[in-house]
Amino acid sequence: MKDAPGWQVLAGRDGSPTWVAPCGRRATTQPFDYRAFTDPLPAAADHDAVLAPF
C-alpha cells in the first residue's frame, strides 16, 4: 500500500517517520530499536585471537 502513488514519508528531527496518505491523513510512528536483540560484538583482541590461530 505504501508503494502506491501519492504516499509520502517525511523524516522528523528525532528520526521518526511521518506517513502521509494520498488523502492528506498523517500518522507518525516511532522507529523500533532492534539493537536490544543483537549480541554485542567481540572485543578486537578476542576477535584477532579467534581468526588468527596460525
C-alpha atoms as a PDB file:
ATOM      1  CA  MET A   1       0.000   0.000   0.000  1.00  0.00           C
ATOM      2  CA  LYS A   2       2.771   2.440   0.873  1.00  0.00           C
ATOM      3  CA  ASP A   3       4.275   1.977  -2.601  1.00  0.00           C
ATOM      4  CA  ALA A   4       1.088   3.168  -4.270  1.00  0.00           C
ATOM      5  CA  PRO A   5       1.230   6.582  -5.977  1.00  0.00           C
ATOM      6  CA  GLY A   6       0.571   9.538  -3.707  1.00  0.00           C
ATOM      7  CA  TRP A   7       2.085   8.202  -0.470  1.00  0.00           C
ATOM      8  CA  GLN A   8       4.949  10.105   1.181  1.00  0.00           C
ATOM      9  CA  VAL A   9       7.267   9.505   4.110  1.00  0.00           C
ATOM     10  CA  LEU A  10       8.670  12.517   5.949  1.00  0.00           C
ATOM     11  CA  ALA A  11      11.528  12.205   8.443  1.00  0.00           C
ATOM     12  CA  GLY A  12      11.207  14.055  11.738  1.00  0.00           C
ATOM     13  CA  ARG A  13      14.131  15.635  13.569  1.00  0.00           C
ATOM     14  CA  ASP A  14      14.223  12.718  16.003  1.00  0.00           C
ATOM     15  CA  GLY A  15      14.203  10.153  13.182  1.00  0.00           C
ATOM     16  CA  SER A  16      10.528   9.295  13.481  1.00  0.00           C
ATOM     17  CA  PRO A  17       8.813   8.791  10.115  1.00  0.00           C
ATOM     18  CA  THR A  18       5.526  10.505   9.311  1.00  0.00           C
ATOM     19  CA  TRP A  19       3.451   8.655   6.734  1.00  0.00           C
ATOM     20  CA  VAL A  20       1.269  10.883   4.557  1.00  0.00           C
ATOM     21  CA  ALA A  21      -1.614   9.202   2.730  1.00  0.00           C
ATOM     22  CA  PRO A  22      -2.834  10.452  -0.666  1.00  0.00           C
ATOM     23  CA  CYS A  23      -5.889  11.919   1.077  1.00  0.00           C
ATOM     24  CA  GLY A  24      -3.629  14.008   3.370  1.00  0.00           C
ATOM     25  CA  ARG A  25      -4.022  11.957   6.542  1.00  0.00           C
ATOM     26  CA  ARG A  26      -0.794  11.773   8.579  1.00  0.00           C
ATOM     27  CA  ALA A  27       0.471   9.157  11.006  1.00  0.00           C
ATOM     28  CA  THR A  28       3.752   9.441  12.908  1.00  0.00           C
ATOM     29  CA  THR A  29       5.423   6.280  14.179  1.00  0.00           C
ATOM     30  CA  GLN A  30       8.424   5.687  16.391  1.00  0.00           C
ATOM     31  CA  PRO A  31      11.257   3.584  14.980  1.00  0.00           C
ATOM     32  CA  PHE A  32      11.869   0.309  16.809  1.00  0.00           C
ATOM     33  CA  ASP A  33      15.355  -0.175  18.272  1.00  0.00           C
ATOM     34  CA  TYR A  34      16.431  -3.659  17.195  1.00  0.00           C
ATOM     35  CA  ARG A  35      19.869  -3.260  18.815  1.00  0.00           C
ATOM     36  CA  ALA A  36      18.481  -4.567  22.099  1.00  0.00           C
ATOM     37  CA  PHE A  37      18.135  -8.010  20.480  1.00  0.00           C
ATOM     38  CA  THR A  38      21.616  -8.296  18.987  1.00  0.00           C
ATOM     39  CA  ASP A  39      24.665  -9.862  20.580  1.00  0.00           C
ATOM     40  CA  PRO A  40      27.486  -7.490  21.477  1.00  0.00           C
ATOM     41  CA  LEU A  41      30.452  -7.537  19.135  1.00  0.00           C
ATOM     42  CA  PRO A  42      33.584  -9.235  20.481  1.00  0.00           C
ATOM     43  CA  ALA A  43      36.483  -7.055  21.576  1.00  0.00           C
ATOM     44  CA  ALA A  44      39.210  -6.513  18.970  1.00  0.00           C
ATOM     45  CA  ALA A  45      41.709  -8.638  20.927  1.00  0.00           C
ATOM     46  CA  ASP A  46      39.248 -11.543  21.189  1.00  0.00           C
ATOM     47  CA  HIS A  47      38.377 -11.244  17.513  1.00  0.00           C
ATOM     48  CA  ASP A  48      42.049 -11.431  16.416  1.00  0.00           C
ATOM     49  CA  ALA A  49      42.710 -14.450  18.597  1.00  0.00           C
ATOM     50  CA  VAL A  50      39.756 -16.329  17.100  1.00  0.00           C
ATOM     51  CA  LEU A  51      40.586 -15.539  13.474  1.00  0.00           C
ATOM     52  CA  ALA A  52      44.389 -15.965  13.585  1.00  0.00           C
ATOM     53  CA  PRO A  53      45.218 -19.358  15.161  1.00  0.00           C
ATOM     54  CA  PHE A  54      48.270 -19.828  12.876  1.00  0.00           C
END
